[in-house]
Amino acid sequence: MRNEWDDKSDEPGPGLTASWAAVLRDVRSLAVDLTTAGTEMARQVPVPPLEQLVSGWGRVEDAMLRELKARLDHLDDPAYRPEPTPGAHPSTPARLLDNLLTASIDADSAQSREALYTSLLLRMVPDEARILAALADGTRYPLVHIKTRGNGGRTVLANASTVGRAAGVQVPEVVPTYVGHLRALGLADEGPADESLSVQYDILLGEPAVRHADEQAHDVGRLGTRVVRRTLRISPLGRALWRACRPDDETEAGLHPSDSDLLDGVTPLPHHTPDTIYRPENGSHPAGPTGGPP
C-alpha cells in the first residue's frame, strides 16, 4: 500500500509558495520518523498473556466490589462515619451537627451507648487502657496533688498516683497526664483520702516526680508545700464501659496491689499527715538516703 506520506514531490501545490512547500516536507519527514520509532518501541515491549490480563482485571474488580459492599453494609450503622476523601473539603460544623442529629433519629439506646463507648475508646492511648483495667476491679489507688500554700496556691503537680506502676504502663513519667485524661473523659473519679493506704501514700511521695514537684513548690511558695491526699477509682461510666467490653470478666473488688510490688525502685519517705507542710520542723528539706533532697 502506498503511504500518503511518501509523496516527495518538491513542487508546491496550487496557491502555495516555495517556503510553504518546504514546511510541508519537514512535517512529513517528522511524521515518518515518529511512526517508525513508535513501531520499533511497540515491538520491544512484551505483552503479557491474555490469561494474566484477565486474572489481573478480575482481582481489581473483586477488590472494588468488596469495598463497595463494606460501605453499603455500614450505611445502616448510626455510629459509622465514612473516611473523608483525600483533598476534599472537611464538613462544616453545621453539617457535622446535622449528621449527628440525623443519626440520632433512628438510633436506639443500645446503638447510642455503643457509639459513646467507641468514641471514648478511640480517644484513649494503650497505657490509659491499662490503667482502666487496673481500676476495673474496684481497687482504689492513692492520688496526690502537690500545691503551694497560701491564698491562691498554685498546683505544681496534679494526679500523681501509684496506679501506673500497678498497671505496668510503658511511659510511667506521664501517669499524671494519663490519670487527668481518664478523669476528663469521665472514666475515673477522685475520692476522699483513705488512711488504710498510708504506706502507699508514702511510697508515692517518694517517687522522683513527686519529690521534684515538692522542690519546685518550695521554690515558688514562701509558705511551704501542701500535699493533698486523695484516692483514684473507676467511675460509673468507666465501669459500664468495661462491663460492655469485658462481660465475662469476674474480678473481686477491693483488692489492693502488694506494697512490695510498688516499692520496686522507690525510696519511701517518712509518714506525713494529709494537707500539711511537707518539710521537717526546722524548715529545711529532709535528707534522703544519701543526704540529697527528698
C-alpha atoms as a PDB file:
ATOM      1  CA  MET A   1       0.000   0.000   0.000  1.00  0.00           C
ATOM      2  CA  ARG A   2       1.338   3.414  -0.916  1.00  0.00           C
ATOM      3  CA  ASN A   3       1.940   5.622   2.143  1.00  0.00           C
ATOM      4  CA  GLU A   4       0.414   9.024   1.625  1.00  0.00           C
ATOM      5  CA  TRP A   5       3.465  10.475   3.356  1.00  0.00           C
ATOM      6  CA  ASP A   6       5.773   9.073   0.699  1.00  0.00           C
ATOM      7  CA  ASP A   7       4.938  11.835  -1.716  1.00  0.00           C
ATOM      8  CA  LYS A   8       8.287  13.560  -2.088  1.00  0.00           C
ATOM      9  CA  SER A   9       7.304  15.955  -4.790  1.00  0.00           C
ATOM     10  CA  ASP A  10       9.163  19.202  -4.455  1.00  0.00           C
ATOM     11  CA  GLU A  11       6.607  21.018  -6.485  1.00  0.00           C
ATOM     12  CA  PRO A  12       4.477  23.415  -4.439  1.00  0.00           C
ATOM     13  CA  GLY A  13       0.740  22.926  -4.694  1.00  0.00           C
ATOM     14  CA  PRO A  14      -1.582  25.473  -6.152  1.00  0.00           C
ATOM     15  CA  GLY A  15      -1.575  28.638  -4.151  1.00  0.00           C
ATOM     16  CA  LEU A  16       1.454  27.642  -2.017  1.00  0.00           C
ATOM     17  CA  THR A  17       4.765  29.396  -2.133  1.00  0.00           C
ATOM     18  CA  ALA A  18       8.079  27.568  -2.159  1.00  0.00           C
ATOM     19  CA  SER A  19       8.583  28.273   1.556  1.00  0.00           C
ATOM     20  CA  TRP A  20       5.277  26.644   2.492  1.00  0.00           C
ATOM     21  CA  ALA A  21       6.218  23.631   0.438  1.00  0.00           C
ATOM     22  CA  ALA A  22       9.451  23.284   2.413  1.00  0.00           C
ATOM     23  CA  VAL A  23       7.492  23.372   5.698  1.00  0.00           C
ATOM     24  CA  LEU A  24       5.202  20.599   4.500  1.00  0.00           C
ATOM     25  CA  ARG A  25       8.195  18.461   3.552  1.00  0.00           C
ATOM     26  CA  ASP A  26       9.654  18.888   7.075  1.00  0.00           C
ATOM     27  CA  VAL A  27       6.342  17.930   8.693  1.00  0.00           C
ATOM     28  CA  ARG A  28       6.068  14.826   6.516  1.00  0.00           C
ATOM     29  CA  SER A  29       9.605  13.785   7.396  1.00  0.00           C
ATOM     30  CA  LEU A  30       8.985  14.227  11.137  1.00  0.00           C
ATOM     31  CA  ALA A  31       5.764  12.197  10.978  1.00  0.00           C
ATOM     32  CA  VAL A  32       7.543   9.323   9.233  1.00  0.00           C
ATOM     33  CA  ASP A  33      10.328   9.326  11.835  1.00  0.00           C
ATOM     34  CA  LEU A  34       7.853   9.285  14.770  1.00  0.00           C
ATOM     35  CA  THR A  35       5.821   6.466  13.209  1.00  0.00           C
ATOM     36  CA  THR A  36       8.920   4.359  12.683  1.00  0.00           C
ATOM     37  CA  ALA A  37      10.221   4.945  16.223  1.00  0.00           C
ATOM     38  CA  GLY A  38       6.851   4.127  17.758  1.00  0.00           C
ATOM     39  CA  THR A  39       6.582   0.890  15.818  1.00  0.00           C
ATOM     40  CA  GLU A  40      10.032  -0.238  16.975  1.00  0.00           C
ATOM     41  CA  MET A  41       9.242   0.557  20.651  1.00  0.00           C
ATOM     42  CA  ALA A  42       5.949  -1.339  20.468  1.00  0.00           C
ATOM     43  CA  ARG A  43       7.751  -4.411  19.127  1.00  0.00           C
ATOM     44  CA  GLN A  44      10.197  -4.368  22.054  1.00  0.00           C
ATOM     45  CA  VAL A  45       7.562  -4.145  24.859  1.00  0.00           C
ATOM     46  CA  PRO A  46       6.496  -7.643  25.983  1.00  0.00           C
ATOM     47  CA  VAL A  47       2.760  -8.204  26.028  1.00  0.00           C
ATOM     48  CA  PRO A  48       1.548 -10.409  28.932  1.00  0.00           C
ATOM     49  CA  PRO A  49      -0.523 -13.435  28.057  1.00  0.00           C
ATOM     50  CA  LEU A  50      -4.242 -12.933  27.798  1.00  0.00           C
ATOM     51  CA  GLU A  51      -4.814 -15.155  30.842  1.00  0.00           C
ATOM     52  CA  GLN A  52      -2.718 -12.836  33.045  1.00  0.00           C
ATOM     53  CA  LEU A  53      -4.574  -9.756  31.855  1.00  0.00           C
ATOM     54  CA  VAL A  54      -7.943 -11.363  32.601  1.00  0.00           C
ATOM     55  CA  SER A  55      -6.769 -12.550  36.028  1.00  0.00           C
ATOM     56  CA  GLY A  56      -5.395  -9.106  36.935  1.00  0.00           C
ATOM     57  CA  TRP A  57      -8.580  -7.312  35.964  1.00  0.00           C
ATOM     58  CA  GLY A  58     -10.569  -9.908  37.904  1.00  0.00           C
ATOM     59  CA  ARG A  59      -8.616  -9.176  41.105  1.00  0.00           C
ATOM     60  CA  VAL A  60      -9.154  -5.440  40.687  1.00  0.00           C
ATOM     61  CA  GLU A  61     -12.867  -5.997  40.140  1.00  0.00           C
ATOM     62  CA  ASP A  62     -13.126  -8.215  43.253  1.00  0.00           C
ATOM     63  CA  ALA A  63     -11.377  -5.591  45.414  1.00  0.00           C
ATOM     64  CA  MET A  64     -13.699  -2.856  44.165  1.00  0.00           C
ATOM     65  CA  LEU A  65     -16.784  -4.990  44.844  1.00  0.00           C
ATOM     66  CA  ARG A  66     -15.583  -5.830  48.368  1.00  0.00           C
ATOM     67  CA  GLU A  67     -15.031  -2.152  49.180  1.00  0.00           C
ATOM     68  CA  LEU A  68     -18.452  -1.246  47.771  1.00  0.00           C
ATOM     69  CA  LYS A  69     -20.142  -3.979  49.827  1.00  0.00           C
ATOM     70  CA  ALA A  70     -18.372  -2.836  53.020  1.00  0.00           C
ATOM     71  CA  ARG A  71     -19.549   0.734  52.508  1.00  0.00           C
ATOM     72  CA  LEU A  72     -23.114  -0.374  51.791  1.00  0.00           C
ATOM     73  CA  ASP A  73     -23.119  -2.547  54.933  1.00  0.00           C
ATOM     74  CA  HIS A  74     -22.114   0.473  57.033  1.00  0.00           C
ATOM     75  CA  LEU A  75     -24.914   2.708  55.798  1.00  0.00           C
ATOM     76  CA  ASP A  76     -27.366   1.407  58.416  1.00  0.00           C
ATOM     77  CA  ASP A  77     -24.883   1.864  61.295  1.00  0.00           C
ATOM     78  CA  PRO A  78     -25.540   5.182  63.133  1.00  0.00           C
ATOM     79  CA  ALA A  79     -22.004   5.174  64.517  1.00  0.00           C
ATOM     80  CA  TYR A  80     -20.414   4.852  61.074  1.00  0.00           C
ATOM     81  CA  ARG A  81     -18.510   7.869  59.836  1.00  0.00           C
ATOM     82  CA  PRO A  82     -17.058   7.423  56.326  1.00  0.00           C
ATOM     83  CA  GLU A  83     -13.437   8.368  55.815  1.00  0.00           C
ATOM     84  CA  PRO A  84     -13.055  11.773  54.162  1.00  0.00           C
ATOM     85  CA  THR A  85     -11.946  11.739  50.551  1.00  0.00           C
ATOM     86  CA  PRO A  86      -8.319  12.940  50.199  1.00  0.00           C
ATOM     87  CA  GLY A  87      -8.296  16.545  49.068  1.00  0.00           C
ATOM     88  CA  ALA A  88     -11.985  17.024  49.813  1.00  0.00           C
ATOM     89  CA  HIS A  89     -13.105  19.952  51.918  1.00  0.00           C
ATOM     90  CA  PRO A  90     -13.972  18.972  55.501  1.00  0.00           C
ATOM     91  CA  SER A  91     -17.561  19.175  56.622  1.00  0.00           C
ATOM     92  CA  THR A  92     -18.643  22.355  58.301  1.00  0.00           C
ATOM     93  CA  PRO A  93     -19.641  22.293  61.985  1.00  0.00           C
ATOM     94  CA  ALA A  94     -23.261  22.796  60.967  1.00  0.00           C
ATOM     95  CA  ARG A  95     -23.145  19.772  58.664  1.00  0.00           C
ATOM     96  CA  LEU A  96     -21.475  17.630  61.319  1.00  0.00           C
ATOM     97  CA  LEU A  97     -24.215  18.584  63.776  1.00  0.00           C
ATOM     98  CA  ASP A  98     -26.889  17.806  61.195  1.00  0.00           C
ATOM     99  CA  ASN A  99     -25.324  14.390  60.566  1.00  0.00           C
ATOM    100  CA  LEU A 100     -25.306  13.595  64.276  1.00  0.00           C
ATOM    101  CA  LEU A 101     -28.899  14.697  64.726  1.00  0.00           C
ATOM    102  CA  THR A 102     -29.951  12.666  61.691  1.00  0.00           C
ATOM    103  CA  ALA A 103     -28.159   9.574  63.023  1.00  0.00           C
ATOM    104  CA  SER A 104     -29.841  10.007  66.414  1.00  0.00           C
ATOM    105  CA  ILE A 105     -33.317   9.736  64.872  1.00  0.00           C
ATOM    106  CA  ASP A 106     -33.024   6.046  64.029  1.00  0.00           C
ATOM    107  CA  ALA A 107     -30.571   5.040  66.789  1.00  0.00           C
ATOM    108  CA  ASP A 108     -31.869   3.214  69.847  1.00  0.00           C
ATOM    109  CA  SER A 109     -30.335   3.326  73.329  1.00  0.00           C
ATOM    110  CA  ALA A 110     -28.071   0.338  72.692  1.00  0.00           C
ATOM    111  CA  GLN A 111     -26.663   1.850  69.497  1.00  0.00           C
ATOM    112  CA  SER A 112     -26.179   5.228  71.166  1.00  0.00           C
ATOM    113  CA  ARG A 113     -24.377   3.625  74.090  1.00  0.00           C
ATOM    114  CA  GLU A 114     -22.140   1.676  71.725  1.00  0.00           C
ATOM    115  CA  ALA A 115     -21.327   4.874  69.818  1.00  0.00           C
ATOM    116  CA  LEU A 116     -20.394   6.569  73.122  1.00  0.00           C
ATOM    117  CA  TYR A 117     -18.112   3.724  74.193  1.00  0.00           C
ATOM    118  CA  THR A 118     -16.472   3.662  70.759  1.00  0.00           C
ATOM    119  CA  SER A 119     -15.826   7.396  70.911  1.00  0.00           C
ATOM    120  CA  LEU A 120     -14.274   7.129  74.392  1.00  0.00           C
ATOM    121  CA  LEU A 121     -12.004   4.233  73.456  1.00  0.00           C
ATOM    122  CA  LEU A 122     -10.806   5.981  70.304  1.00  0.00           C
ATOM    123  CA  ARG A 123      -9.668   8.907  72.469  1.00  0.00           C
ATOM    124  CA  MET A 124      -7.546   6.708  74.743  1.00  0.00           C
ATOM    125  CA  VAL A 125      -3.951   5.527  74.377  1.00  0.00           C
ATOM    126  CA  PRO A 126      -2.844   1.965  75.295  1.00  0.00           C
ATOM    127  CA  ASP A 127      -1.328   2.977  78.646  1.00  0.00           C
ATOM    128  CA  GLU A 128      -4.627   4.584  79.637  1.00  0.00           C
ATOM    129  CA  ALA A 129      -6.405   1.347  78.782  1.00  0.00           C
ATOM    130  CA  ARG A 130      -4.035  -0.469  81.140  1.00  0.00           C
ATOM    131  CA  ILE A 131      -4.887   1.974  83.916  1.00  0.00           C
ATOM    132  CA  LEU A 132      -8.601   1.485  83.281  1.00  0.00           C
ATOM    133  CA  ALA A 133      -8.042  -2.274  83.518  1.00  0.00           C
ATOM    134  CA  ALA A 134      -6.269  -1.824  86.864  1.00  0.00           C
ATOM    135  CA  LEU A 135      -9.224   0.204  88.162  1.00  0.00           C
ATOM    136  CA  ALA A 136     -11.858  -2.147  86.738  1.00  0.00           C
ATOM    137  CA  ASP A 137     -11.938  -4.498  89.739  1.00  0.00           C
ATOM    138  CA  GLY A 138     -12.887  -1.650  92.075  1.00  0.00           C
ATOM    139  CA  THR A 139      -9.438  -1.130  93.579  1.00  0.00           C
ATOM    140  CA  ARG A 140      -8.745   2.355  94.930  1.00  0.00           C
ATOM    141  CA  TYR A 141      -5.272   3.829  94.472  1.00  0.00           C
ATOM    142  CA  PRO A 142      -3.534   6.731  96.212  1.00  0.00           C
ATOM    143  CA  LEU A 143      -3.828  10.064  94.422  1.00  0.00           C
ATOM    144  CA  VAL A 144      -1.748  13.104  95.364  1.00  0.00           C
ATOM    145  CA  HIS A 145      -1.708  16.758  94.363  1.00  0.00           C
ATOM    146  CA  ILE A 146       1.276  18.966  95.245  1.00  0.00           C
ATOM    147  CA  LYS A 147       0.368  22.619  95.803  1.00  0.00           C
ATOM    148  CA  THR A 148       1.895  25.752  97.245  1.00  0.00           C
ATOM    149  CA  ARG A 149       0.399  27.085 100.474  1.00  0.00           C
ATOM    150  CA  GLY A 150      -1.389  30.387 100.891  1.00  0.00           C
ATOM    151  CA  ASN A 151      -4.273  32.111  99.203  1.00  0.00           C
ATOM    152  CA  GLY A 152      -4.319  31.355  95.500  1.00  0.00           C
ATOM    153  CA  GLY A 153      -1.913  28.469  95.972  1.00  0.00           C
ATOM    154  CA  ARG A 154      -0.621  27.067  92.712  1.00  0.00           C
ATOM    155  CA  THR A 155      -0.843  23.381  91.783  1.00  0.00           C
ATOM    156  CA  VAL A 156       2.645  22.181  90.889  1.00  0.00           C
ATOM    157  CA  LEU A 157       1.719  18.538  90.267  1.00  0.00           C
ATOM    158  CA  ALA A 158      -1.756  17.028  89.940  1.00  0.00           C
ATOM    159  CA  ASN A 159      -2.993  13.446  89.658  1.00  0.00           C
ATOM    160  CA  ALA A 160       0.158  11.647  90.783  1.00  0.00           C
ATOM    161  CA  SER A 161      -0.789   8.054  91.563  1.00  0.00           C
ATOM    162  CA  THR A 162       0.638   4.580  92.054  1.00  0.00           C
ATOM    163  CA  VAL A 163      -1.901   3.175  89.612  1.00  0.00           C
ATOM    164  CA  GLY A 164       0.557   3.492  86.742  1.00  0.00           C
ATOM    165  CA  ARG A 165       3.099   1.270  88.479  1.00  0.00           C
ATOM    166  CA  ALA A 166       0.394  -1.275  89.337  1.00  0.00           C
ATOM    167  CA  ALA A 167      -0.915  -1.245  85.750  1.00  0.00           C
ATOM    168  CA  GLY A 168       2.557  -1.609  84.244  1.00  0.00           C
ATOM    169  CA  VAL A 169       2.345   1.370  81.897  1.00  0.00           C
ATOM    170  CA  GLN A 170       5.109   1.809  79.330  1.00  0.00           C
ATOM    171  CA  VAL A 171       5.635   5.546  79.970  1.00  0.00           C
ATOM    172  CA  PRO A 172       5.437   5.921  83.772  1.00  0.00           C
ATOM    173  CA  GLU A 173       6.595   9.543  83.817  1.00  0.00           C
ATOM    174  CA  VAL A 174       3.322  10.717  82.247  1.00  0.00           C
ATOM    175  CA  VAL A 175       0.969   8.834  84.574  1.00  0.00           C
ATOM    176  CA  PRO A 176      -0.416  12.163  85.930  1.00  0.00           C
ATOM    177  CA  THR A 177      -1.370  13.082  82.350  1.00  0.00           C
ATOM    178  CA  TYR A 178      -2.995   9.682  81.816  1.00  0.00           C
ATOM    179  CA  VAL A 179      -4.968   9.966  85.045  1.00  0.00           C
ATOM    180  CA  GLY A 180      -6.057  13.525  84.256  1.00  0.00           C
ATOM    181  CA  HIS A 181      -7.272  12.452  80.821  1.00  0.00           C
ATOM    182  CA  LEU A 182      -9.236   9.492  82.193  1.00  0.00           C
ATOM    183  CA  ARG A 183     -10.867  11.809  84.698  1.00  0.00           C
ATOM    184  CA  ALA A 184     -11.681  14.309  81.948  1.00  0.00           C
ATOM    185  CA  LEU A 185     -13.309  11.519  79.920  1.00  0.00           C
ATOM    186  CA  GLY A 186     -15.421  10.620  82.932  1.00  0.00           C
ATOM    187  CA  LEU A 187     -13.918   7.129  83.256  1.00  0.00           C
ATOM    188  CA  ALA A 188     -12.173   7.685  86.616  1.00  0.00           C
ATOM    189  CA  ASP A 189     -13.200   9.558  89.735  1.00  0.00           C
ATOM    190  CA  GLU A 190     -11.341  11.240  92.573  1.00  0.00           C
ATOM    191  CA  GLY A 191     -12.414  10.241  96.069  1.00  0.00           C
ATOM    192  CA  PRO A 192     -11.507  11.156  99.643  1.00  0.00           C
ATOM    193  CA  ALA A 193      -8.230  10.148 101.245  1.00  0.00           C
ATOM    194  CA  ASP A 194      -8.018   6.625 102.642  1.00  0.00           C
ATOM    195  CA  GLU A 195      -5.847   6.211 105.745  1.00  0.00           C
ATOM    196  CA  SER A 196      -5.644   2.465 105.141  1.00  0.00           C
ATOM    197  CA  LEU A 197      -3.403   3.311 102.181  1.00  0.00           C
ATOM    198  CA  SER A 198      -0.870   5.203 104.308  1.00  0.00           C
ATOM    199  CA  VAL A 199       2.049   3.002 103.232  1.00  0.00           C
ATOM    200  CA  GLN A 200       1.187   3.503  99.568  1.00  0.00           C
ATOM    201  CA  TYR A 201       0.901   7.264 100.091  1.00  0.00           C
ATOM    202  CA  ASP A 202       4.436   7.286 101.471  1.00  0.00           C
ATOM    203  CA  ILE A 203       5.635   5.222  98.533  1.00  0.00           C
ATOM    204  CA  LEU A 204       4.010   7.696  96.144  1.00  0.00           C
ATOM    205  CA  LEU A 205       5.600  10.664  97.925  1.00  0.00           C
ATOM    206  CA  GLY A 206       8.980   9.002  97.458  1.00  0.00           C
ATOM    207  CA  GLU A 207       8.740   8.809  93.686  1.00  0.00           C
ATOM    208  CA  PRO A 208      11.175  11.102  91.806  1.00  0.00           C
ATOM    209  CA  ALA A 209       8.475  13.125  90.005  1.00  0.00           C
ATOM    210  CA  VAL A 210       6.685  13.877  93.285  1.00  0.00           C
ATOM    211  CA  ARG A 211       9.936  14.820  95.016  1.00  0.00           C
ATOM    212  CA  HIS A 212      10.798  17.148  92.163  1.00  0.00           C
ATOM    213  CA  ALA A 213       7.370  18.782  92.336  1.00  0.00           C
ATOM    214  CA  ASP A 214       7.832  19.266  96.076  1.00  0.00           C
ATOM    215  CA  GLU A 215      11.126  21.050  95.475  1.00  0.00           C
ATOM    216  CA  GLN A 216       9.501  23.287  92.877  1.00  0.00           C
ATOM    217  CA  ALA A 217       6.655  24.128  95.253  1.00  0.00           C
ATOM    218  CA  HIS A 218       9.172  25.133  97.933  1.00  0.00           C
ATOM    219  CA  ASP A 219      10.974  27.367  95.438  1.00  0.00           C
ATOM    220  CA  VAL A 220       7.860  29.281  94.357  1.00  0.00           C
ATOM    221  CA  GLY A 221       5.866  29.276  97.595  1.00  0.00           C
ATOM    222  CA  ARG A 222       7.136  31.087 100.691  1.00  0.00           C
ATOM    223  CA  LEU A 223       4.676  29.320 102.986  1.00  0.00           C
ATOM    224  CA  GLY A 224       5.734  25.795 102.120  1.00  0.00           C
ATOM    225  CA  THR A 225       4.108  22.907 100.328  1.00  0.00           C
ATOM    226  CA  ARG A 226       0.642  21.448 100.733  1.00  0.00           C
ATOM    227  CA  VAL A 227       0.234  17.750  99.954  1.00  0.00           C
ATOM    228  CA  VAL A 228      -3.378  16.898  99.151  1.00  0.00           C
ATOM    229  CA  ARG A 229      -4.096  13.193  99.552  1.00  0.00           C
ATOM    230  CA  ARG A 230      -6.983  11.695  97.639  1.00  0.00           C
ATOM    231  CA  THR A 231      -7.897   8.349  96.038  1.00  0.00           C
ATOM    232  CA  LEU A 232      -8.462   7.274  92.456  1.00  0.00           C
ATOM    233  CA  ARG A 233     -11.192   4.838  91.499  1.00  0.00           C
ATOM    234  CA  ILE A 234     -13.186   3.830  88.448  1.00  0.00           C
ATOM    235  CA  SER A 235     -16.279   5.907  87.703  1.00  0.00           C
ATOM    236  CA  PRO A 236     -19.772   4.517  86.990  1.00  0.00           C
ATOM    237  CA  LEU A 237     -19.267   5.305  83.300  1.00  0.00           C
ATOM    238  CA  GLY A 238     -15.890   3.574  83.313  1.00  0.00           C
ATOM    239  CA  ARG A 239     -17.400   0.527  84.983  1.00  0.00           C
ATOM    240  CA  ALA A 240     -20.237   0.408  82.433  1.00  0.00           C
ATOM    241  CA  LEU A 241     -17.770   0.660  79.544  1.00  0.00           C
ATOM    242  CA  TRP A 242     -15.611  -2.110  80.992  1.00  0.00           C
ATOM    243  CA  ARG A 243     -18.568  -4.428  81.531  1.00  0.00           C
ATOM    244  CA  ALA A 244     -19.783  -3.795  77.981  1.00  0.00           C
ATOM    245  CA  CYS A 245     -16.362  -4.715  76.575  1.00  0.00           C
ATOM    246  CA  ARG A 246     -15.494  -7.479  79.076  1.00  0.00           C
ATOM    247  CA  PRO A 247     -18.799  -9.030  80.144  1.00  0.00           C
ATOM    248  CA  ASP A 248     -17.164 -12.338  81.107  1.00  0.00           C
ATOM    249  CA  ASP A 249     -14.586 -10.846  83.481  1.00  0.00           C
ATOM    250  CA  GLU A 250     -15.093 -11.909  87.080  1.00  0.00           C
ATOM    251  CA  THR A 251     -12.984  -9.813  89.436  1.00  0.00           C
ATOM    252  CA  GLU A 252     -13.085  -9.241  93.135  1.00  0.00           C
ATOM    253  CA  ALA A 253     -13.450  -5.605  94.182  1.00  0.00           C
ATOM    254  CA  GLY A 254     -11.478  -4.015  96.973  1.00  0.00           C
ATOM    255  CA  LEU A 255      -8.156  -5.811  96.404  1.00  0.00           C
ATOM    256  CA  HIS A 256      -5.051  -3.648  96.624  1.00  0.00           C
ATOM    257  CA  PRO A 257      -1.690  -4.272  94.953  1.00  0.00           C
ATOM    258  CA  SER A 258       1.114  -5.556  97.094  1.00  0.00           C
ATOM    259  CA  ASP A 259       3.140  -2.833  98.800  1.00  0.00           C
ATOM    260  CA  SER A 260       6.316  -4.769  97.979  1.00  0.00           C
ATOM    261  CA  ASP A 261       5.450  -4.560  94.275  1.00  0.00           C
ATOM    262  CA  LEU A 262       5.017  -0.797  94.481  1.00  0.00           C
ATOM    263  CA  LEU A 263       8.299  -0.359  96.402  1.00  0.00           C
ATOM    264  CA  ASP A 264      10.351  -1.566  93.451  1.00  0.00           C
ATOM    265  CA  GLY A 265      12.778   1.254  92.598  1.00  0.00           C
ATOM    266  CA  VAL A 266      11.210   3.748  95.040  1.00  0.00           C
ATOM    267  CA  THR A 267      12.621   5.145  98.287  1.00  0.00           C
ATOM    268  CA  PRO A 268       9.733   5.624 100.727  1.00  0.00           C
ATOM    269  CA  LEU A 269       9.525   8.794 102.811  1.00  0.00           C
ATOM    270  CA  PRO A 270       8.517   9.013 106.462  1.00  0.00           C
ATOM    271  CA  HIS A 271       4.791   9.186 107.113  1.00  0.00           C
ATOM    272  CA  HIS A 272       3.194  12.604 106.507  1.00  0.00           C
ATOM    273  CA  THR A 273      -0.274  13.620 107.548  1.00  0.00           C
ATOM    274  CA  PRO A 274      -2.559  14.915 104.783  1.00  0.00           C
ATOM    275  CA  ASP A 275      -2.580  18.601 103.861  1.00  0.00           C
ATOM    276  CA  THR A 276       0.426  19.517 105.988  1.00  0.00           C
ATOM    277  CA  ILE A 277       3.669  21.302 105.118  1.00  0.00           C
ATOM    278  CA  TYR A 278       5.900  18.730 103.587  1.00  0.00           C
ATOM    279  CA  ARG A 279       9.130  19.544 105.485  1.00  0.00           C
ATOM    280  CA  PRO A 280      10.664  18.978 108.956  1.00  0.00           C
ATOM    281  CA  GLU A 281      10.148  21.380 111.823  1.00  0.00           C
ATOM    282  CA  ASN A 282      13.374  23.313 111.155  1.00  0.00           C
ATOM    283  CA  GLY A 283      12.057  24.296 107.688  1.00  0.00           C
ATOM    284  CA  SER A 284      14.768  22.562 105.676  1.00  0.00           C
ATOM    285  CA  HIS A 285      14.301  19.760 103.221  1.00  0.00           C
ATOM    286  CA  PRO A 286      14.564  16.316 104.792  1.00  0.00           C
ATOM    287  CA  ALA A 287      17.661  14.445 103.739  1.00  0.00           C
ATOM    288  CA  GLY A 288      17.265  11.433 101.512  1.00  0.00           C
ATOM    289  CA  PRO A 289      19.069   8.124 101.976  1.00  0.00           C
ATOM    290  CA  THR A 290      22.315   9.615 100.609  1.00  0.00           C
ATOM    291  CA  GLY A 291      21.934  13.066 102.111  1.00  0.00           C
ATOM    292  CA  GLY A 292      20.377  14.566  98.992  1.00  0.00           C
ATOM    293  CA  PRO A 293      16.988  16.152  98.504  1.00  0.00           C
ATOM    294  CA  PRO A 294      13.896  14.145  99.415  1.00  0.00           C
END
